Amino acid sequence: MKRSQRRWLALRLALCLAAAALAGCTTLIKTEAEGRWIPIAPGSTLTLAEPVRIPPGRARVFFVNGQPSTSAANYRPVCALEVRHIDERQAQTIAPARYRIARIQNYWTEVVAVDKPNAVLFALADHDGDGGYSMIRTGFHFWLDGDQADPMRLTCLGVMADPAEAYPPTLEEIRQALGAFAAIEVAAQPR
């Protein structure tokens, strides 16, 4: 094989690998439980229909089954509207408005439960030893436009489950969690 052919082949291989890597960065969301997966892109929007109150000293308010709450439910999908700046003295109110979603990020969080408090004082790494069990919640961070403005992001998570059974919330579940307070419109990513 000639030198120019090897260069051309190496360039084509590099371009194919770069395209595959970029395609792997696509965030997908299911429309509903039995629905299809769709790619979501920046340019999606979050519209607050009503004022949202963040209690003093808190960074977020949760939405569970269409109602605001100061705590999340583990047994159903939940969304949390988070602010960048915490006011320790007074509640913050986020006015109704339309916010552009600048970035979408897949997210998961681990929750560890200990069955017997103080049961384990010392355990080897990767050894259960009655130290409890871990479950996870998977979902999305919807980062909102603006470096200094509040709100900062909307985080939506599915139900807490064993890692093999944990799934992110669908668009329908996100809409149920937000209820009449907010609406999310997803812009499909061009293929």
Protein backbone atom coordinates (compact mmCIF):
# COMPACT_ATOMS: atom_id res chain seq x y z
CA MET A 1 0.00 0.00 0.00
CA LYS A 2 1.30 3.43 -0.94
CA ARG A 3 2.04 6.08 1.65
CA SER A 4 -0.78 8.36 0.37
CA GLN A 5 -3.27 5.48 0.58
CA ARG A 6 -2.23 4.78 4.20
CA ARG A 7 -2.68 8.45 5.09
CA TRP A 8 -6.09 8.55 3.45
CA LEU A 9 -7.11 5.34 5.25
CA ALA A 10 -5.85 6.71 8.60
CA LEU A 11 -7.78 9.96 8.03
CA ARG A 12 -10.99 8.09 7.19
CA LEU A 13 -10.58 5.89 10.27
CA ALA A 14 -10.01 8.94 12.49
CA LEU A 15 -13.10 10.68 11.07
CA CYS A 16 -15.22 7.55 11.61
CA LEU A 17 -14.03 7.22 15.21
CA ALA A 18 -14.70 10.92 15.88
CA ALA A 19 -18.20 10.64 14.40
CA ALA A 20 -18.92 7.53 16.50
CA ALA A 21 -17.68 9.27 19.66
CA LEU A 22 -19.83 12.33 19.02
CA ALA A 23 -22.88 10.21 18.22
CA GLY A 24 -22.36 8.40 21.52
CA CYS A 25 -22.85 11.72 23.35
CA THR A 26 -26.51 11.96 22.36
CA THR A 27 -28.94 12.03 25.28
CA LEU A 28 -32.04 9.92 24.70
CA ILE A 29 -35.36 10.08 26.53
CA LYS A 30 -38.41 7.85 26.24
CA THR A 31 -41.68 9.54 25.38
CA GLU A 32 -43.76 7.15 27.54
CA ALA A 33 -43.37 3.72 29.14
CA GLU A 34 -44.07 1.80 25.93
CA GLY A 35 -42.99 4.66 23.69
CA ARG A 36 -39.93 5.19 21.58
CA TRP A 37 -36.59 6.72 22.54
CA ILE A 38 -35.98 10.17 21.06
CA PRO A 39 -32.77 12.24 21.09
CA ILE A 40 -33.09 15.51 23.00
CA ALA A 41 -31.09 18.62 22.29
CA PRO A 42 -30.31 22.00 23.76
CA GLY A 43 -33.01 24.44 22.75
CA SER A 44 -35.67 22.52 24.65
CA THR A 45 -37.61 24.71 27.09
CA LEU A 46 -38.98 24.69 30.61
CA THR A 47 -42.02 26.91 31.14
CA LEU A 48 -43.11 27.78 34.66
CA ALA A 49 -46.85 28.45 34.66
CA GLU A 50 -47.04 29.50 38.31
CA PRO A 51 -44.63 31.09 40.79
CA VAL A 52 -42.43 28.53 42.52
CA ARG A 53 -41.43 29.12 46.15
CA ILE A 54 -38.04 27.90 47.42
CA PRO A 55 -38.03 27.75 51.26
CA PRO A 56 -35.35 29.70 53.19
CA GLY A 57 -31.99 27.92 53.43
CA ARG A 58 -32.89 25.49 50.64
CA ALA A 59 -31.46 25.02 47.15
CA ARG A 60 -34.44 23.28 45.56
CA VAL A 61 -38.09 22.47 45.59
CA PHE A 62 -39.31 19.04 44.51
CA PHE A 63 -42.31 18.24 42.36
CA VAL A 64 -44.01 14.95 43.08
CA ASN A 65 -47.26 13.97 41.36
CA GLY A 66 -47.91 17.57 40.31
CA GLN A 67 -47.38 19.09 43.77
CA PRO A 68 -44.42 21.04 45.20
CA SER A 69 -42.70 19.43 48.18
CA THR A 70 -39.65 20.00 50.37
CA SER A 71 -38.64 16.35 50.04
CA ALA A 72 -38.43 13.82 47.22
CA ALA A 73 -40.44 10.63 46.96
CA ASN A 74 -38.45 7.48 46.26
CA TYR A 75 -41.39 5.45 45.01
CA ARG A 76 -42.32 7.61 42.00
CA PRO A 77 -40.62 9.90 39.50
CA VAL A 78 -39.70 13.32 40.87
CA CYS A 79 -38.31 16.59 39.52
CA ALA A 80 -36.40 19.23 41.46
CA LEU A 81 -36.09 22.85 40.41
CA GLU A 82 -32.76 24.09 41.76
CA VAL A 83 -31.45 27.60 42.34
CA ARG A 84 -27.86 28.73 42.16
CA HIS A 85 -28.02 31.12 45.15
CA ILE A 86 -29.39 30.09 48.55
CA ASP A 87 -31.06 32.71 50.73
CA GLU A 88 -30.78 31.68 54.39
CA ARG A 89 -33.22 34.33 55.67
CA GLN A 90 -36.20 34.35 53.37
CA ALA A 91 -38.02 32.29 50.79
CA GLN A 92 -37.19 32.84 47.14
CA THR A 93 -39.87 33.02 44.48
CA ILE A 94 -39.14 32.06 40.91
CA ALA A 95 -41.52 33.94 38.64
CA PRO A 96 -43.44 32.27 35.83
CA ALA A 97 -41.32 32.42 32.68
CA ARG A 98 -39.97 30.37 29.82
CA TYR A 99 -36.41 29.12 30.27
CA ARG A 100 -34.22 27.76 27.49
CA ILE A 101 -32.46 24.48 28.28
CA ALA A 102 -28.80 24.94 27.39
CA ARG A 103 -27.55 21.42 28.13
CA ILE A 104 -28.98 17.99 28.95
CA GLN A 105 -26.96 15.58 31.03
CA ASN A 106 -27.65 11.95 31.96
CA TYR A 107 -27.50 11.60 35.73
CA TRP A 108 -27.70 8.94 38.40
CA THR A 109 -27.41 9.00 42.14
CA GLU A 110 -26.75 6.22 44.62
CA VAL A 111 -28.77 5.88 47.81
CA VAL A 112 -27.46 3.59 50.52
CA ALA A 113 -29.72 2.18 53.20
CA VAL A 114 -28.43 0.52 56.36
CA ASP A 115 -30.80 -2.05 57.78
CA LYS A 116 -29.32 -2.03 61.29
CA PRO A 117 -27.91 1.28 62.51
CA ASN A 118 -24.39 0.95 63.94
CA ALA A 119 -24.24 -2.67 62.72
CA VAL A 120 -20.99 -2.18 60.84
CA LEU A 121 -18.14 -0.15 62.23
CA PHE A 122 -15.47 -1.55 59.91
CA ALA A 123 -15.79 -3.43 56.60
CA LEU A 124 -13.44 -4.34 53.81
CA ALA A 125 -14.03 -2.63 50.50
CA ASP A 126 -16.51 -4.48 48.32
CA HIS A 127 -17.66 -6.67 51.23
CA ASP A 128 -21.31 -6.52 52.21
CA GLY A 129 -21.00 -7.55 55.85
CA ASP A 130 -24.46 -6.22 56.81
CA GLY A 131 -23.39 -2.73 55.77
CA GLY A 132 -26.64 -2.16 53.93
CA TYR A 133 -27.47 -2.16 50.26
CA SER A 134 -27.35 0.45 47.56
CA MET A 135 -30.05 1.46 45.17
CA ILE A 136 -29.93 4.10 42.47
CA ARG A 137 -32.09 6.67 40.75
CA THR A 138 -31.39 7.59 37.15
CA GLY A 139 -32.54 10.62 35.25
CA PHE A 140 -31.53 13.92 33.71
CA HIS A 141 -30.12 17.33 34.58
CA PHE A 142 -31.72 19.99 32.39
CA TRP A 143 -29.27 22.93 32.72
CA LEU A 144 -30.97 26.26 32.11
CA ASP A 145 -29.47 29.23 30.24
CA GLY A 146 -27.61 31.87 32.21
CA ASP A 147 -24.50 31.70 34.38
CA GLN A 148 -25.80 33.94 37.16
CA ALA A 149 -29.57 33.66 36.87
CA ASP A 150 -31.87 31.50 38.94
CA PRO A 151 -33.19 28.89 38.45
CA MET A 152 -30.07 26.89 37.63
CA ARG A 153 -31.45 23.52 36.51
CA LEU A 154 -34.29 21.04 36.59
CA THR A 155 -33.31 17.55 37.71
CA CYS A 156 -35.76 14.72 37.02
CA LEU A 157 -35.25 11.21 38.42
CA GLY A 158 -37.04 7.88 38.10
CA VAL A 159 -37.99 5.64 41.01
CA MET A 160 -35.31 4.32 43.33
CA ALA A 161 -34.46 0.73 42.39
CA ASP A 162 -31.74 -1.87 42.26
CA PRO A 163 -29.17 -0.87 39.62
CA ALA A 164 -30.38 -3.45 37.10
CA GLU A 165 -33.97 -2.22 37.41
CA ALA A 166 -33.44 1.56 37.56
CA TYR A 167 -34.70 3.56 34.60
CA PRO A 168 -34.82 7.31 33.94
CA PRO A 169 -38.26 8.92 33.87
CA THR A 170 -40.13 9.18 30.59
CA LEU A 171 -41.38 12.51 29.25
CA GLU A 172 -44.87 11.51 30.39
CA GLU A 173 -43.62 10.80 33.93
CA ILE A 174 -41.77 14.13 34.01
CA ARG A 175 -44.95 15.91 32.96
CA GLN A 176 -46.91 14.09 35.70
CA ALA A 177 -44.30 15.05 38.31
CA LEU A 178 -44.41 18.73 37.27
CA GLY A 179 -48.20 18.88 36.99
CA ALA A 180 -49.69 22.30 36.25
CA PHE A 181 -46.69 24.15 37.73
CA ALA A 182 -44.38 23.64 34.77
CA ALA A 183 -44.15 22.20 31.27
CA ILE A 184 -41.14 20.83 29.49
CA GLU A 185 -40.93 20.92 25.71
CA VAL A 186 -38.23 18.74 24.20
CA ALA A 187 -36.50 19.72 20.99
CA ALA A 188 -35.51 16.67 18.99
CA GLN A 189 -31.86 16.51 18.10
CA PRO A 190 -31.18 16.39 14.35
CA ARG A 191 -29.92 13.03 13.19
